[in-house]
N, C-alpha and C. Protein backbone atom coordinates (compact mmCIF):
# COMPACT_ATOMS: atom_id res chain seq x y z
N MET A 1 32.00 52.43 55.59
CA MET A 1 31.70 51.08 55.10
C MET A 1 33.01 50.28 55.11
N SER A 2 32.95 49.08 55.68
CA SER A 2 34.15 48.23 55.72
C SER A 2 34.39 47.61 54.35
N ASN A 3 35.59 47.09 54.16
CA ASN A 3 35.94 46.44 52.90
C ASN A 3 35.03 45.26 52.63
N GLU A 4 34.71 44.48 53.70
CA GLU A 4 33.84 43.33 53.52
C GLU A 4 32.46 43.78 53.06
N ASP A 5 31.93 44.86 53.64
CA ASP A 5 30.62 45.36 53.25
C ASP A 5 30.61 45.76 51.78
N SER A 6 31.67 46.42 51.32
CA SER A 6 31.70 46.84 49.93
C SER A 6 31.81 45.64 49.00
N THR A 7 32.53 44.59 49.40
CA THR A 7 32.62 43.38 48.59
C THR A 7 31.27 42.70 48.51
N THR A 8 30.59 42.61 49.66
CA THR A 8 29.28 41.96 49.71
C THR A 8 28.30 42.66 48.78
N THR A 9 28.26 43.99 48.84
CA THR A 9 27.31 44.71 47.99
C THR A 9 27.73 44.67 46.52
N ALA A 10 29.02 44.49 46.25
CA ALA A 10 29.50 44.45 44.87
C ALA A 10 29.19 43.12 44.19
N ILE A 11 28.87 42.09 44.97
CA ILE A 11 28.54 40.79 44.37
C ILE A 11 27.12 40.85 43.84
N ASN A 12 26.99 40.58 42.55
CA ASN A 12 25.70 40.60 41.87
C ASN A 12 25.16 39.18 41.75
N LEU A 13 23.96 38.95 42.25
CA LEU A 13 23.29 37.66 42.10
C LEU A 13 22.34 37.77 40.91
N ARG A 14 22.43 36.79 40.02
CA ARG A 14 21.61 36.84 38.81
C ARG A 14 21.29 35.42 38.33
N LYS A 15 20.32 35.37 37.45
CA LYS A 15 19.97 34.11 36.78
C LYS A 15 21.09 33.78 35.80
N PRO A 16 21.58 32.55 35.81
CA PRO A 16 22.66 32.20 34.88
C PRO A 16 22.17 32.07 33.45
N THR A 17 23.13 32.08 32.54
CA THR A 17 22.88 31.84 31.12
C THR A 17 23.87 30.78 30.64
N LYS A 18 23.65 30.29 29.43
CA LYS A 18 24.56 29.26 28.92
C LYS A 18 25.98 29.79 28.78
N ALA A 19 26.15 31.09 28.71
CA ALA A 19 27.49 31.68 28.65
C ALA A 19 28.27 31.44 29.94
N ASP A 20 27.58 31.05 31.01
CA ASP A 20 28.24 30.78 32.30
C ASP A 20 28.77 29.36 32.42
N GLY A 21 28.44 28.49 31.49
CA GLY A 21 28.79 27.07 31.61
C GLY A 21 30.27 26.80 31.81
N TYR A 22 31.10 27.38 30.98
CA TYR A 22 32.54 27.12 31.10
C TYR A 22 33.11 27.76 32.36
N ALA A 23 32.66 28.97 32.68
CA ALA A 23 33.12 29.63 33.91
C ALA A 23 32.70 28.81 35.13
N LEU A 24 31.52 28.20 35.08
CA LEU A 24 31.08 27.33 36.17
C LEU A 24 32.02 26.13 36.30
N HIS A 25 32.40 25.56 35.18
CA HIS A 25 33.34 24.44 35.19
C HIS A 25 34.65 24.83 35.87
N GLN A 26 35.15 26.01 35.56
CA GLN A 26 36.38 26.49 36.19
C GLN A 26 36.19 26.80 37.67
N LEU A 27 35.03 27.35 38.03
CA LEU A 27 34.74 27.65 39.43
C LEU A 27 34.73 26.38 40.26
N VAL A 28 34.05 25.35 39.80
CA VAL A 28 33.99 24.08 40.53
C VAL A 28 35.40 23.50 40.69
N ALA A 29 36.21 23.59 39.66
CA ALA A 29 37.59 23.09 39.74
C ALA A 29 38.39 23.83 40.81
N ALA A 30 38.05 25.10 41.05
CA ALA A 30 38.76 25.91 42.04
C ALA A 30 38.19 25.74 43.45
N CYS A 31 37.19 24.87 43.60
CA CYS A 31 36.51 24.71 44.89
C CYS A 31 36.50 23.27 45.37
N PRO A 32 37.70 22.68 45.60
CA PRO A 32 37.68 21.33 46.14
C PRO A 32 37.02 21.35 47.52
N PRO A 33 36.34 20.33 47.91
CA PRO A 33 36.28 18.98 47.36
C PRO A 33 35.09 18.74 46.43
N LEU A 34 34.56 19.79 45.79
CA LEU A 34 33.41 19.59 44.91
C LEU A 34 33.74 18.61 43.79
N ASP A 35 32.77 17.78 43.46
CA ASP A 35 32.92 16.84 42.35
C ASP A 35 32.75 17.60 41.04
N PRO A 36 33.73 17.49 40.14
CA PRO A 36 33.60 18.16 38.85
C PRO A 36 32.58 17.46 37.97
N ASN A 37 31.91 18.23 37.16
CA ASN A 37 31.02 17.71 36.13
C ASN A 37 31.67 18.03 34.79
N SER A 38 31.13 17.48 33.72
CA SER A 38 31.63 17.83 32.40
C SER A 38 31.22 19.26 32.08
N VAL A 39 31.93 19.88 31.15
CA VAL A 39 31.55 21.22 30.70
C VAL A 39 30.13 21.18 30.14
N TYR A 40 29.81 20.11 29.44
CA TYR A 40 28.46 19.98 28.88
C TYR A 40 27.41 19.99 30.00
N CYS A 41 27.65 19.26 31.07
CA CYS A 41 26.74 19.26 32.21
C CYS A 41 26.60 20.68 32.77
N ASN A 42 27.73 21.39 32.90
CA ASN A 42 27.69 22.76 33.42
C ASN A 42 26.93 23.70 32.47
N LEU A 43 27.01 23.45 31.18
CA LEU A 43 26.22 24.22 30.23
C LEU A 43 24.72 23.98 30.45
N LEU A 44 24.35 22.73 30.70
CA LEU A 44 22.94 22.42 30.98
C LEU A 44 22.48 23.04 32.29
N GLN A 45 23.34 22.97 33.32
CA GLN A 45 22.98 23.59 34.60
C GLN A 45 22.73 25.08 34.42
N SER A 46 23.51 25.72 33.56
CA SER A 46 23.43 27.16 33.35
C SER A 46 22.31 27.58 32.41
N SER A 47 21.79 26.64 31.65
CA SER A 47 20.75 26.99 30.69
C SER A 47 19.42 26.29 31.01
N HIS A 48 19.37 24.98 30.94
CA HIS A 48 18.12 24.25 31.19
C HIS A 48 17.60 24.46 32.61
N PHE A 49 18.50 24.61 33.56
CA PHE A 49 18.11 24.73 34.97
C PHE A 49 18.32 26.14 35.51
N ALA A 50 18.35 27.13 34.63
CA ALA A 50 18.64 28.51 35.04
C ALA A 50 17.61 29.07 36.01
N ASP A 51 16.36 28.66 35.89
CA ASP A 51 15.32 29.19 36.79
C ASP A 51 15.52 28.75 38.24
N THR A 52 16.26 27.66 38.42
CA THR A 52 16.50 27.14 39.77
C THR A 52 17.99 27.13 40.09
N ALA A 53 18.71 28.06 39.49
CA ALA A 53 20.14 28.22 39.74
C ALA A 53 20.42 29.71 39.92
N VAL A 54 21.58 30.00 40.49
CA VAL A 54 21.96 31.40 40.65
C VAL A 54 23.46 31.53 40.43
N ALA A 55 23.84 32.61 39.74
CA ALA A 55 25.24 32.93 39.52
C ALA A 55 25.57 34.17 40.34
N ALA A 56 26.74 34.18 40.96
CA ALA A 56 27.20 35.33 41.73
C ALA A 56 28.46 35.87 41.07
N GLU A 57 28.43 37.14 40.71
CA GLU A 57 29.54 37.78 40.02
C GLU A 57 30.16 38.87 40.88
N LEU A 58 31.46 38.95 40.82
CA LEU A 58 32.21 40.04 41.46
C LEU A 58 33.13 40.61 40.39
N ASN A 59 32.91 41.85 40.01
CA ASN A 59 33.72 42.50 38.97
C ASN A 59 33.78 41.67 37.69
N GLY A 60 32.63 41.11 37.29
CA GLY A 60 32.56 40.34 36.06
C GLY A 60 33.05 38.92 36.15
N GLU A 61 33.50 38.48 37.33
CA GLU A 61 34.03 37.12 37.52
C GLU A 61 33.02 36.29 38.31
N LEU A 62 32.81 35.07 37.87
CA LEU A 62 31.92 34.15 38.58
C LEU A 62 32.60 33.70 39.87
N VAL A 63 32.03 34.09 41.03
CA VAL A 63 32.62 33.73 42.32
C VAL A 63 31.70 32.81 43.13
N GLY A 64 30.51 32.56 42.62
CA GLY A 64 29.59 31.66 43.30
C GLY A 64 28.55 31.14 42.33
N PHE A 65 28.05 29.96 42.64
CA PHE A 65 27.02 29.36 41.78
C PHE A 65 26.31 28.28 42.58
N ILE A 66 25.01 28.27 42.50
CA ILE A 66 24.22 27.15 43.03
C ILE A 66 23.39 26.62 41.89
N SER A 67 23.49 25.31 41.67
CA SER A 67 22.64 24.65 40.69
C SER A 67 21.63 23.81 41.44
N GLY A 68 20.44 23.80 40.92
CA GLY A 68 19.37 23.01 41.53
C GLY A 68 18.27 22.76 40.53
N TYR A 69 17.28 22.00 40.97
CA TYR A 69 16.13 21.72 40.11
C TYR A 69 14.97 21.28 40.98
N ILE A 70 13.80 21.29 40.39
CA ILE A 70 12.60 20.81 41.07
C ILE A 70 12.31 19.43 40.48
N PRO A 71 12.47 18.37 41.30
CA PRO A 71 12.22 17.02 40.77
C PRO A 71 10.77 16.88 40.28
N PRO A 72 10.56 16.28 39.12
CA PRO A 72 9.20 16.16 38.58
C PRO A 72 8.20 15.51 39.54
N ALA A 73 8.64 14.55 40.33
CA ALA A 73 7.72 13.88 41.26
C ALA A 73 7.58 14.61 42.59
N GLN A 74 8.31 15.72 42.77
CA GLN A 74 8.26 16.49 44.01
C GLN A 74 8.18 17.99 43.71
N PRO A 75 7.04 18.46 43.21
CA PRO A 75 6.95 19.87 42.81
C PRO A 75 7.06 20.86 43.97
N ASP A 76 7.03 20.37 45.20
CA ASP A 76 7.18 21.25 46.37
C ASP A 76 8.61 21.31 46.88
N THR A 77 9.56 20.72 46.14
CA THR A 77 10.94 20.58 46.62
C THR A 77 11.94 21.15 45.63
N LEU A 78 12.86 21.95 46.15
CA LEU A 78 14.02 22.37 45.39
C LEU A 78 15.16 21.45 45.79
N PHE A 79 15.72 20.72 44.82
CA PHE A 79 16.88 19.89 45.09
C PHE A 79 18.11 20.69 44.71
N VAL A 80 18.99 20.95 45.68
CA VAL A 80 20.22 21.69 45.42
C VAL A 80 21.29 20.69 45.01
N TRP A 81 21.73 20.82 43.77
CA TRP A 81 22.68 19.89 43.18
C TRP A 81 24.09 20.21 43.65
N GLN A 82 24.48 21.48 43.58
CA GLN A 82 25.85 21.84 43.93
C GLN A 82 25.92 23.30 44.35
N VAL A 83 26.72 23.55 45.37
CA VAL A 83 27.00 24.91 45.86
C VAL A 83 28.49 25.15 45.71
N ALA A 84 28.85 26.17 44.95
CA ALA A 84 30.27 26.52 44.77
C ALA A 84 30.47 27.99 45.12
N VAL A 85 31.42 28.25 46.01
CA VAL A 85 31.78 29.62 46.35
C VAL A 85 33.31 29.72 46.30
N HIS A 86 33.81 30.56 45.40
CA HIS A 86 35.25 30.79 45.26
C HIS A 86 35.76 31.48 46.52
N GLU A 87 37.03 31.31 46.82
CA GLU A 87 37.60 31.94 48.02
C GLU A 87 37.38 33.45 48.02
N LYS A 88 37.26 34.08 46.86
CA LYS A 88 37.02 35.53 46.78
C LYS A 88 35.63 35.90 47.30
N GLY A 89 34.73 34.93 47.38
CA GLY A 89 33.37 35.20 47.85
C GLY A 89 33.06 34.63 49.22
N ARG A 90 34.05 34.00 49.84
CA ARG A 90 33.80 33.33 51.12
C ARG A 90 33.80 34.30 52.30
N GLY A 91 33.15 33.86 53.38
CA GLY A 91 33.13 34.62 54.61
C GLY A 91 32.13 35.76 54.62
N GLN A 92 31.19 35.73 53.68
CA GLN A 92 30.21 36.82 53.54
C GLN A 92 28.77 36.31 53.55
N GLY A 93 28.59 35.03 53.81
CA GLY A 93 27.24 34.48 53.78
C GLY A 93 26.70 34.36 52.36
N LEU A 94 27.58 34.31 51.37
CA LEU A 94 27.14 34.29 49.98
C LEU A 94 26.31 33.06 49.64
N ALA A 95 26.72 31.90 50.09
CA ALA A 95 25.97 30.68 49.75
C ALA A 95 24.53 30.77 50.25
N LYS A 96 24.35 31.26 51.46
CA LYS A 96 22.99 31.37 52.00
C LYS A 96 22.19 32.44 51.25
N ARG A 97 22.85 33.54 50.89
CA ARG A 97 22.17 34.57 50.10
C ARG A 97 21.71 33.99 48.76
N MET A 98 22.55 33.15 48.16
CA MET A 98 22.18 32.54 46.87
C MET A 98 20.99 31.60 47.04
N LEU A 99 20.97 30.81 48.12
CA LEU A 99 19.83 29.92 48.37
C LEU A 99 18.53 30.72 48.46
N HIS A 100 18.57 31.78 49.25
CA HIS A 100 17.37 32.61 49.41
C HIS A 100 16.97 33.24 48.08
N ALA A 101 17.94 33.66 47.27
CA ALA A 101 17.64 34.28 45.97
C ALA A 101 16.90 33.31 45.05
N ILE A 102 17.31 32.05 45.03
CA ILE A 102 16.62 31.06 44.19
C ILE A 102 15.18 30.89 44.66
N LEU A 103 14.99 30.79 45.95
CA LEU A 103 13.65 30.56 46.49
C LEU A 103 12.70 31.73 46.26
N GLU A 104 13.25 32.91 45.98
CA GLU A 104 12.41 34.08 45.70
C GLU A 104 11.91 34.07 44.26
N ARG A 105 12.42 33.18 43.43
CA ARG A 105 12.04 33.15 42.02
C ARG A 105 10.63 32.59 41.84
N GLU A 106 10.00 33.03 40.77
CA GLU A 106 8.66 32.54 40.43
C GLU A 106 8.64 31.02 40.26
N ALA A 107 9.71 30.45 39.73
CA ALA A 107 9.79 29.00 39.51
C ALA A 107 9.68 28.23 40.83
N CYS A 108 9.99 28.88 41.94
CA CYS A 108 9.99 28.21 43.25
C CYS A 108 8.78 28.60 44.10
N GLN A 109 7.78 29.16 43.47
CA GLN A 109 6.59 29.62 44.17
C GLN A 109 5.93 28.52 45.01
N ALA A 110 5.92 27.29 44.52
CA ALA A 110 5.27 26.19 45.23
C ALA A 110 6.23 25.42 46.13
N VAL A 111 7.47 25.84 46.21
CA VAL A 111 8.49 25.11 46.99
C VAL A 111 8.31 25.38 48.48
N SER A 112 8.24 24.28 49.24
CA SER A 112 8.14 24.36 50.70
C SER A 112 9.20 23.51 51.38
N HIS A 113 10.03 22.83 50.57
CA HIS A 113 11.10 21.98 51.10
C HIS A 113 12.35 22.14 50.23
N LEU A 114 13.48 21.90 50.84
CA LEU A 114 14.75 21.90 50.13
C LEU A 114 15.44 20.59 50.44
N GLU A 115 16.02 19.97 49.43
CA GLU A 115 16.80 18.75 49.61
C GLU A 115 18.17 18.93 48.98
N THR A 116 19.13 18.20 49.52
CA THR A 116 20.47 18.15 48.96
C THR A 116 21.14 16.91 49.50
N THR A 117 22.27 16.52 48.91
CA THR A 117 23.07 15.44 49.49
C THR A 117 24.43 15.99 49.85
N ILE A 118 24.97 15.48 50.97
CA ILE A 118 26.25 15.95 51.50
C ILE A 118 27.02 14.76 52.06
N THR A 119 28.33 14.76 51.84
CA THR A 119 29.17 13.75 52.48
C THR A 119 29.33 14.09 53.96
N PRO A 120 29.58 13.08 54.80
CA PRO A 120 29.67 13.32 56.24
C PRO A 120 30.74 14.33 56.65
N ASP A 121 31.81 14.44 55.88
CA ASP A 121 32.93 15.30 56.28
C ASP A 121 32.89 16.71 55.68
N ASN A 122 31.84 17.05 54.94
CA ASN A 122 31.75 18.38 54.33
C ASN A 122 31.14 19.36 55.34
N GLU A 123 31.98 19.79 56.27
CA GLU A 123 31.51 20.63 57.38
C GLU A 123 30.91 21.95 56.91
N ALA A 124 31.47 22.54 55.86
CA ALA A 124 30.95 23.82 55.37
C ALA A 124 29.51 23.67 54.87
N SER A 125 29.22 22.60 54.15
CA SER A 125 27.87 22.38 53.65
C SER A 125 26.89 22.07 54.78
N TRP A 126 27.31 21.24 55.73
CA TRP A 126 26.44 20.96 56.88
C TRP A 126 26.10 22.26 57.61
N ALA A 127 27.10 23.11 57.83
CA ALA A 127 26.87 24.38 58.53
C ALA A 127 25.92 25.27 57.73
N LEU A 128 26.11 25.36 56.41
CA LEU A 128 25.25 26.17 55.56
C LEU A 128 23.79 25.73 55.68
N PHE A 129 23.54 24.44 55.52
CA PHE A 129 22.16 23.98 55.49
C PHE A 129 21.52 23.97 56.88
N ARG A 130 22.30 23.77 57.92
CA ARG A 130 21.75 23.92 59.29
C ARG A 130 21.34 25.37 59.53
N SER A 131 22.19 26.30 59.12
CA SER A 131 21.91 27.72 59.28
C SER A 131 20.68 28.12 58.46
N PHE A 132 20.60 27.61 57.23
CA PHE A 132 19.45 27.89 56.37
C PHE A 132 18.16 27.39 57.03
N ALA A 133 18.19 26.17 57.57
CA ALA A 133 17.02 25.61 58.25
C ALA A 133 16.60 26.50 59.42
N ARG A 134 17.58 26.96 60.20
CA ARG A 134 17.27 27.87 61.32
C ARG A 134 16.63 29.15 60.80
N ASP A 135 17.19 29.72 59.74
CA ASP A 135 16.62 30.95 59.16
C ASP A 135 15.16 30.75 58.76
N LYS A 136 14.87 29.60 58.23
CA LYS A 136 13.52 29.31 57.75
C LYS A 136 12.60 28.78 58.86
N GLY A 137 13.16 28.55 60.06
CA GLY A 137 12.35 27.98 61.14
C GLY A 137 11.83 26.60 60.78
N ALA A 138 12.65 25.85 60.05
CA ALA A 138 12.21 24.57 59.50
C ALA A 138 13.04 23.43 60.06
N GLU A 139 12.43 22.27 60.06
CA GLU A 139 13.09 21.05 60.51
C GLU A 139 14.08 20.57 59.45
N LEU A 140 15.19 20.00 59.92
CA LEU A 140 16.18 19.39 59.03
C LEU A 140 16.28 17.92 59.41
N LYS A 141 16.01 17.06 58.46
CA LYS A 141 16.16 15.61 58.66
C LYS A 141 17.20 15.12 57.67
N HIS A 142 17.90 14.04 58.03
CA HIS A 142 18.87 13.47 57.10
C HIS A 142 19.00 11.97 57.31
N HIS A 143 19.40 11.30 56.25
CA HIS A 143 19.69 9.87 56.30
C HIS A 143 20.63 9.52 55.15
N GLU A 144 21.33 8.42 55.30
CA GLU A 144 22.23 7.98 54.24
C GLU A 144 21.39 7.65 53.01
N HIS A 145 21.82 8.17 51.87
CA HIS A 145 21.03 8.05 50.65
C HIS A 145 21.78 7.31 49.54
N PHE A 146 23.00 7.75 49.25
CA PHE A 146 23.85 7.07 48.30
C PHE A 146 25.02 6.49 49.09
N GLU A 147 25.12 5.16 49.10
CA GLU A 147 26.12 4.48 49.93
C GLU A 147 27.43 4.26 49.17
N LYS A 148 28.51 4.41 49.90
CA LYS A 148 29.85 4.32 49.33
C LYS A 148 30.03 3.05 48.49
N GLU A 149 29.73 1.91 49.05
CA GLU A 149 29.94 0.64 48.33
C GLU A 149 28.83 0.36 47.33
N ALA A 150 27.59 0.50 47.76
CA ALA A 150 26.45 0.11 46.91
C ALA A 150 26.26 1.02 45.70
N HIS A 151 26.57 2.32 45.85
CA HIS A 151 26.27 3.26 44.77
C HIS A 151 27.50 3.88 44.11
N PHE A 152 28.62 3.91 44.83
CA PHE A 152 29.82 4.56 44.29
C PHE A 152 30.97 3.57 44.06
N GLY A 153 30.70 2.27 44.17
CA GLY A 153 31.75 1.28 43.96
C GLY A 153 32.96 1.49 44.85
N GLY A 154 32.73 2.06 46.04
CA GLY A 154 33.81 2.30 46.99
C GLY A 154 34.70 3.48 46.64
N GLN A 155 34.37 4.21 45.56
CA GLN A 155 35.24 5.28 45.06
C GLN A 155 34.85 6.68 45.55
N HIS A 156 33.80 6.79 46.33
CA HIS A 156 33.33 8.10 46.80
C HIS A 156 32.65 7.89 48.14
N ASP A 157 32.79 8.83 49.04
CA ASP A 157 32.14 8.73 50.35
C ASP A 157 30.63 8.70 50.18
N SER A 158 29.95 8.07 51.13
CA SER A 158 28.49 8.07 51.14
C SER A 158 27.96 9.50 51.15
N GLU A 159 26.79 9.68 50.59
CA GLU A 159 26.11 10.97 50.58
C GLU A 159 24.84 10.85 51.41
N PHE A 160 24.63 11.82 52.30
CA PHE A 160 23.44 11.86 53.13
C PHE A 160 22.45 12.82 52.51
N LEU A 161 21.18 12.40 52.44
CA LEU A 161 20.12 13.25 51.93
C LEU A 161 19.60 14.11 53.07
N LEU A 162 19.66 15.42 52.91
CA LEU A 162 19.08 16.36 53.86
C LEU A 162 17.76 16.83 53.30
N ARG A 163 16.76 16.93 54.16
CA ARG A 163 15.47 17.48 53.77
C ARG A 163 15.11 18.54 54.80
N ILE A 164 14.90 19.76 54.31
CA ILE A 164 14.57 20.89 55.14
C ILE A 164 13.16 21.33 54.79
N GLY A 165 12.32 21.49 55.82
CA GLY A 165 10.97 21.98 55.56
C GLY A 165 9.98 21.38 56.52
N PRO A 166 8.75 21.79 56.40
CA PRO A 166 8.26 22.79 55.45
C PRO A 166 8.63 24.21 55.89
N PHE A 167 8.66 25.10 54.89
CA PHE A 167 8.89 26.52 55.13
C PHE A 167 8.10 27.29 54.10
N THR A 168 8.01 28.57 54.28
CA THR A 168 7.40 29.42 53.26
C THR A 168 8.51 30.18 52.57
N SER A 169 8.38 30.33 51.28
CA SER A 169 9.42 31.03 50.51
C SER A 169 9.55 32.42 51.02
């Protein structure tokens, strides 16, 4: 078994708890260019949205996290809020494994589409979601959703909404 294989199998994917909130805050800070949220927001992501989030641990340390939710007006859609993978978890397909793990949950039983927003220059996220769409045999569509000037006061790059689906969980 190679070192990478042993690291991959050592990473535990689990449902987060509110005890993960502060560690999530630190993980996001260690993963630029991710936008930081408040610790309180991270506590909510880890507790209120735990059914549609996943924590990845390596030797007791949080090395990956995906937060998401099912929008009330779109019960067939998982909206992925943020994907964070620490450098200790990179190069192993961890982000995609985490996406698949969320979709296997009972809370996502009716989900046939995935949405997220990504800035044009976030090549890692574009690659992840294109690969995920290929895995699912699903179409990926995108359009500008939050505009730099109109929605971010010129302080943040525009965000494009990606929609992947339909697919079966």
